[in-house]
Amino acid sequence: MKIRLALFVGLLLALPYLGLLLSGGEWSELSIGASSNSDLLPAVFALLVITAIFLFSNLLLGARNGQDPLRSQRGYFLAAALGGTALGWLLTYLNHLNPVWLGDGQRDAAHIILYSLIFAALPLAILGLRALLGSFSTILKRLANAPKFPVPTANTVAFTLAPLALLGLLSGAVWPSQLFWLFWLSPLLLLVGLQLFWNESTVFDGLAQGDWGRIICASTAGLITGNFAMLTFGLAGGELQLELYQPAYIQLGFAAYGLLVLQLGDVIAEAWRGKKRGEVFRKKTFPIPVVVKK
């Protein structure tokens, strides 16, 4: 797990910058068109909405199955938040090379802390909402009987996705307009490819059996969370300009981010693999004290 995550981070950092050097560009020449609005209030409201989605999803999920995910999966949520923070700053780095959004460009301590909290909360909201959607058995049964998608062997897929991901990351600065879609799909393709090279599961494994449940639920969770966060940010007075050619690309980006979060969550969950149930889900103490008389 650690090797895959290290490769994932290292390639995301190195390849786009290498593409910039190959294109003859320099880091100082890049600009994301900083906006004049540096008010923190819109980002604070967006963070509150994202956090509310996470808490509300877990509350409803606990009411449905009688368990409290916040207690039973506290370590996993903490690891997912840390992974989400790192992922958020990696995507911000990629955005500097091939801009999709134009932010306020502020990098003081207050902005860094606030954005880090948003990056940490986003995966938690998406994973919580995906789990809530997956708790409805009727939805899962219908999605489990969807048309089967012919999937080649794992090696074939891995050796197909790896070159695409490498090409996409290199192309960010070389052909920013023509291959921007491949550039922004590359993190998901890269992580899935690494999973296949290590003979691990991916979010697309169910397609061969016609099970689209995980993909649809994760994509829907990404769409809901992303749209609510963006709408709240705009209503609070934030200025977020999106450099996208079609409005539909925004929704595709939210859906792809949901899949990326789910795949990253699966990789992080491997840290708990092989542990006994009692180690992961601690038994509750008996609420009534028992006194034994001699």
Protein backbone atom coordinates (compact mmCIF):
# COMPACT_ATOMS: atom_id res chain seq x y z
CA MET A 1 0.00 0.00 0.00
CA LYS A 2 2.71 2.48 1.00
CA ILE A 3 4.74 1.77 -2.14
CA ARG A 4 1.71 2.34 -4.37
CA LEU A 5 0.80 5.58 -2.65
CA ALA A 6 4.40 6.78 -2.82
CA LEU A 7 4.55 6.00 -6.55
CA PHE A 8 1.21 7.71 -7.06
CA VAL A 9 2.37 10.90 -5.35
CA GLY A 10 5.82 10.85 -6.94
CA LEU A 11 4.53 10.40 -10.49
CA LEU A 12 1.88 13.11 -10.05
CA LEU A 13 4.59 15.51 -8.92
CA ALA A 14 7.33 14.58 -11.38
CA LEU A 15 5.66 13.85 -14.72
CA PRO A 16 3.68 17.09 -15.19
CA TYR A 17 6.77 19.14 -14.32
CA LEU A 18 8.83 17.04 -16.73
CA GLY A 19 6.22 17.76 -19.41
CA LEU A 20 6.59 21.47 -18.66
CA LEU A 21 10.36 21.25 -19.12
CA LEU A 22 10.01 19.26 -22.35
CA SER A 23 7.68 21.92 -23.74
CA GLY A 24 10.31 24.59 -23.08
CA GLY A 25 8.25 26.33 -20.41
CA GLU A 26 9.19 27.50 -16.95
CA TRP A 27 7.31 27.37 -13.66
CA SER A 28 7.45 31.14 -13.25
CA GLU A 29 5.65 31.59 -16.57
CA LEU A 30 2.56 29.78 -15.35
CA SER A 31 -0.37 31.76 -14.01
CA ILE A 32 -3.80 30.70 -12.82
CA GLY A 33 -5.30 34.15 -13.07
CA ALA A 34 -5.66 35.06 -9.43
CA SER A 35 -8.87 36.78 -8.50
CA SER A 36 -9.07 39.87 -6.38
CA ASN A 37 -11.48 38.25 -3.91
CA SER A 38 -9.56 36.83 -0.95
CA ASP A 39 -12.46 36.65 1.52
CA LEU A 40 -12.40 33.46 3.58
CA LEU A 41 -16.14 33.47 4.32
CA PRO A 42 -17.27 31.63 1.13
CA ALA A 43 -14.76 28.84 1.76
CA VAL A 44 -15.89 28.60 5.39
CA PHE A 45 -19.52 28.14 4.30
CA ALA A 46 -18.46 25.53 1.74
CA LEU A 47 -16.57 23.66 4.47
CA LEU A 48 -19.64 23.73 6.73
CA VAL A 49 -21.85 22.31 3.98
CA ILE A 50 -19.35 19.54 3.17
CA THR A 51 -19.06 18.66 6.87
CA ALA A 52 -22.86 18.67 7.19
CA ILE A 53 -23.14 16.20 4.29
CA PHE A 54 -20.70 13.89 6.03
CA LEU A 55 -22.38 14.06 9.43
CA PHE A 56 -25.90 13.80 8.02
CA SER A 57 -24.97 10.79 5.86
CA ASN A 58 -23.45 8.95 8.80
CA LEU A 59 -26.41 9.83 11.02
CA LEU A 60 -28.88 8.39 8.52
CA LEU A 61 -26.68 5.39 7.88
CA GLY A 62 -26.52 4.68 11.60
CA ALA A 63 -30.30 4.98 11.86
CA ARG A 64 -30.70 2.47 9.03
CA ASN A 65 -28.29 -0.25 10.14
CA GLY A 66 -27.99 0.48 13.87
CA GLN A 67 -24.25 1.20 13.80
CA ASP A 68 -22.28 4.38 14.28
CA PRO A 69 -19.64 4.60 11.52
CA LEU A 70 -17.93 7.53 13.25
CA ARG A 71 -17.09 5.29 16.20
CA SER A 72 -16.49 1.97 14.51
CA GLN A 73 -14.42 3.40 11.63
CA ARG A 74 -12.73 6.35 13.31
CA GLY A 75 -9.22 5.31 12.28
CA TYR A 76 -10.25 4.81 8.68
CA PHE A 77 -11.94 8.20 8.49
CA LEU A 78 -8.86 9.88 9.94
CA ALA A 79 -6.61 8.17 7.38
CA ALA A 80 -9.04 9.09 4.58
CA ALA A 81 -8.99 12.73 5.73
CA LEU A 82 -5.20 12.80 5.66
CA GLY A 83 -5.19 11.18 2.23
CA GLY A 84 -7.80 13.66 1.01
CA THR A 85 -5.67 16.59 2.19
CA ALA A 86 -2.67 15.30 0.25
CA LEU A 87 -4.84 14.59 -2.79
CA GLY A 88 -6.33 18.07 -2.69
CA TRP A 89 -2.95 19.78 -2.74
CA LEU A 90 -1.75 17.45 -5.50
CA LEU A 91 -4.75 18.47 -7.62
CA THR A 92 -4.01 22.12 -6.81
CA TYR A 93 -0.47 21.54 -8.08
CA LEU A 94 -1.84 20.00 -11.28
CA ASN A 95 -4.21 22.94 -11.66
CA HIS A 96 -1.23 25.28 -11.74
CA LEU A 97 0.12 23.40 -14.75
CA ASN A 98 -3.21 22.99 -16.56
CA PRO A 99 -5.75 25.34 -14.95
CA VAL A 100 -9.36 24.28 -14.63
CA TRP A 101 -10.42 26.66 -11.87
CA LEU A 102 -9.25 30.19 -11.10
CA GLY A 103 -9.04 30.78 -7.36
CA ASP A 104 -7.98 33.71 -5.27
CA GLY A 105 -4.35 32.65 -5.39
CA GLN A 106 -3.77 33.37 -1.68
CA ARG A 107 -1.22 31.20 0.09
CA ASP A 108 -1.11 32.68 3.58
CA ALA A 109 -1.51 30.50 6.68
CA ALA A 110 -5.26 31.10 7.02
CA HIS A 111 -5.98 30.07 3.41
CA ILE A 112 -3.70 27.02 3.60
CA ILE A 113 -5.37 25.77 6.79
CA LEU A 114 -8.89 26.38 5.48
CA TYR A 115 -8.26 24.73 2.13
CA SER A 116 -6.59 21.78 3.87
CA LEU A 117 -9.72 21.30 5.97
CA ILE A 118 -11.88 21.39 2.83
CA PHE A 119 -9.62 18.86 1.10
CA ALA A 120 -9.84 16.62 4.19
CA ALA A 121 -13.64 16.90 4.48
CA LEU A 122 -14.44 16.23 0.82
CA PRO A 123 -13.48 12.51 0.79
CA LEU A 124 -15.28 11.95 4.09
CA ALA A 125 -18.49 13.47 2.71
CA ILE A 126 -18.25 11.47 -0.51
CA LEU A 127 -17.47 8.17 1.22
CA GLY A 128 -20.22 8.72 3.78
CA LEU A 129 -22.78 9.62 1.14
CA ARG A 130 -21.75 6.68 -1.03
CA ALA A 131 -22.20 4.32 1.91
CA LEU A 132 -25.64 5.80 2.57
CA LEU A 133 -26.70 5.33 -1.05
CA GLY A 134 -25.37 1.78 -0.96
CA SER A 135 -27.46 0.97 2.12
CA PHE A 136 -30.63 0.94 -0.02
CA SER A 137 -30.87 -2.69 -1.11
CA THR A 138 -33.39 -2.01 -3.87
CA ILE A 139 -30.96 0.36 -5.59
CA LEU A 140 -28.07 -2.07 -5.30
CA LYS A 141 -30.13 -4.98 -6.64
CA ARG A 142 -31.08 -3.03 -9.74
CA LEU A 143 -27.53 -1.82 -10.31
CA ALA A 144 -26.20 -5.35 -9.76
CA ASN A 145 -28.29 -6.61 -12.69
CA ALA A 146 -27.06 -4.01 -15.16
CA PRO A 147 -25.55 -5.00 -18.53
CA LYS A 148 -22.19 -6.69 -18.26
CA PHE A 149 -19.20 -4.78 -19.56
CA PRO A 150 -16.58 -6.89 -21.33
CA VAL A 151 -13.39 -6.33 -19.37
CA PRO A 152 -10.03 -7.61 -20.69
CA THR A 153 -7.54 -9.35 -18.44
CA ALA A 154 -5.98 -7.40 -15.59
CA ASN A 155 -2.57 -7.31 -17.29
CA THR A 156 -4.06 -5.98 -20.51
CA VAL A 157 -5.93 -3.23 -18.66
CA ALA A 158 -2.88 -2.35 -16.56
CA PHE A 159 -0.57 -2.06 -19.57
CA THR A 160 -3.20 0.05 -21.31
CA LEU A 161 -3.96 2.45 -18.46
CA ALA A 162 -0.32 3.01 -17.48
CA PRO A 163 0.78 4.55 -20.82
CA LEU A 164 -2.42 6.60 -20.96
CA ALA A 165 -1.82 7.97 -17.48
CA LEU A 166 1.83 8.75 -18.21
CA LEU A 167 0.91 10.43 -21.50
CA GLY A 168 -1.85 12.40 -19.82
CA LEU A 169 0.42 13.71 -17.06
CA LEU A 170 3.15 14.65 -19.52
CA SER A 171 0.69 16.38 -21.84
CA GLY A 172 -0.63 18.86 -19.28
CA ALA A 173 1.85 21.58 -20.19
CA VAL A 174 2.60 20.42 -23.75
CA TRP A 175 -0.97 20.26 -25.10
CA PRO A 176 -3.06 21.91 -22.37
CA SER A 177 -6.11 22.46 -24.58
CA GLN A 178 -6.16 19.31 -26.70
CA LEU A 179 -5.50 16.73 -23.98
CA PHE A 180 -6.74 18.48 -20.84
CA TRP A 181 -9.41 15.78 -20.39
CA LEU A 182 -6.75 13.04 -20.37
CA PHE A 183 -4.56 15.11 -18.05
CA TRP A 184 -7.31 15.35 -15.44
CA LEU A 185 -8.33 11.70 -15.82
CA SER A 186 -4.73 10.60 -15.32
CA PRO A 187 -4.77 10.50 -11.47
CA LEU A 188 -7.66 8.00 -11.55
CA LEU A 189 -6.11 5.99 -14.39
CA LEU A 190 -2.75 5.95 -12.62
CA LEU A 191 -4.14 4.76 -9.29
CA VAL A 192 -6.26 2.07 -10.95
CA GLY A 193 -3.26 0.95 -13.02
CA LEU A 194 -1.08 0.67 -9.90
CA GLN A 195 -3.77 -1.42 -8.23
CA LEU A 196 -3.80 -3.82 -11.17
CA PHE A 197 0.00 -4.12 -11.23
CA TRP A 198 -0.19 -5.18 -7.57
CA ASN A 199 -3.09 -7.58 -8.30
CA GLU A 200 -5.41 -5.57 -6.07
CA SER A 201 -9.08 -4.72 -6.57
CA THR A 202 -10.29 -1.61 -8.38
CA VAL A 203 -13.56 0.31 -8.42
CA PHE A 204 -14.28 -1.14 -11.86
CA ASP A 205 -14.06 -4.83 -10.91
CA GLY A 206 -17.82 -5.28 -10.79
CA LEU A 207 -18.37 -4.30 -14.43
CA ALA A 208 -17.55 -7.79 -15.70
CA GLN A 209 -20.45 -9.18 -13.61
CA GLY A 210 -22.78 -6.32 -14.49
CA ASP A 211 -22.49 -4.78 -11.02
CA TRP A 212 -22.44 -1.00 -11.44
CA GLY A 213 -23.39 -0.25 -7.82
CA ARG A 214 -20.07 1.09 -6.52
CA ILE A 215 -19.39 3.19 -9.61
CA ILE A 216 -22.84 4.78 -9.73
CA CYS A 217 -23.00 5.44 -5.98
CA ALA A 218 -19.50 6.96 -5.85
CA SER A 219 -20.11 9.10 -8.94
CA THR A 220 -23.45 10.29 -7.55
CA ALA A 221 -21.86 11.12 -4.21
CA GLY A 222 -19.17 13.13 -6.00
CA LEU A 223 -21.80 15.00 -8.02
CA ILE A 224 -23.95 15.84 -5.00
CA THR A 225 -21.05 16.92 -2.79
CA GLY A 226 -19.30 18.90 -5.51
CA ASN A 227 -22.40 20.76 -6.65
CA PHE A 228 -23.51 21.63 -3.12
CA ALA A 229 -20.03 22.90 -2.24
CA MET A 230 -19.74 24.97 -5.42
CA LEU A 231 -23.28 26.37 -5.06
CA THR A 232 -22.66 27.33 -1.42
CA PHE A 233 -19.34 28.95 -2.30
CA GLY A 234 -21.02 31.06 -4.99
CA LEU A 235 -24.02 32.06 -2.88
CA ALA A 236 -21.68 33.20 -0.10
CA GLY A 237 -20.02 35.63 -2.49
CA GLY A 238 -17.07 33.55 -3.67
CA GLU A 239 -15.61 34.04 -7.12
CA LEU A 240 -14.73 30.70 -8.69
CA GLN A 241 -14.18 30.85 -12.44
CA LEU A 242 -14.00 27.51 -14.24
CA GLU A 243 -11.86 27.30 -17.36
CA LEU A 244 -13.86 24.48 -18.97
CA TYR A 245 -15.05 24.25 -22.53
CA GLN A 246 -18.41 22.63 -21.78
CA PRO A 247 -20.55 22.89 -18.62
CA ALA A 248 -20.93 19.11 -18.71
CA TYR A 249 -17.20 18.79 -18.00
CA ILE A 250 -17.81 20.20 -14.53
CA GLN A 251 -20.21 17.38 -13.71
CA LEU A 252 -17.90 14.78 -15.25
CA GLY A 253 -15.10 16.17 -13.10
CA PHE A 254 -17.18 15.80 -9.93
CA ALA A 255 -18.08 12.22 -10.89
CA ALA A 256 -14.44 11.34 -11.67
CA TYR A 257 -13.36 12.83 -8.34
CA GLY A 258 -15.91 10.62 -6.59
CA LEU A 259 -14.39 7.54 -8.25
CA LEU A 260 -10.87 8.70 -7.39
CA VAL A 261 -11.85 9.17 -3.74
CA LEU A 262 -13.42 5.71 -3.62
CA GLN A 263 -10.32 4.10 -5.16
CA LEU A 264 -8.06 5.97 -2.76
CA GLY A 265 -10.32 4.90 0.10
CA ASP A 266 -9.98 1.26 -0.99
CA VAL A 267 -6.18 1.56 -0.97
CA ILE A 268 -6.20 3.12 2.50
CA ALA A 269 -8.59 0.44 3.78
CA GLU A 270 -5.96 -2.21 3.05
CA ALA A 271 -4.23 -1.13 6.27
CA TRP A 272 -7.06 -2.86 8.14
CA ARG A 273 -6.93 -6.02 6.04
CA GLY A 274 -6.42 -9.25 7.93
CA LYS A 275 -7.35 -7.86 11.31
CA LYS A 276 -9.90 -9.62 13.43
CA ARG A 277 -13.33 -8.06 13.73
CA GLY A 278 -12.74 -7.39 17.42
CA GLU A 279 -9.66 -5.30 16.57
CA VAL A 280 -11.56 -3.12 14.11
CA PHE A 281 -14.96 -2.93 15.82
CA ARG A 282 -14.46 -2.81 19.57
CA LYS A 283 -17.14 -4.49 21.63
CA LYS A 284 -19.26 -2.20 23.76
CA THR A 285 -19.06 -2.63 27.50
CA PHE A 286 -22.16 -3.90 29.24
CA PRO A 287 -24.06 -0.77 30.36
CA ILE A 288 -25.32 -2.25 33.65
CA PRO A 289 -22.71 -3.12 36.28
CA VAL A 290 -22.93 -6.68 37.57
CA VAL A 291 -22.10 -7.27 41.23
CA VAL A 292 -21.32 -10.81 42.28
CA LYS A 293 -21.70 -11.54 46.00
CA LYS A 294 -19.50 -14.11 47.61
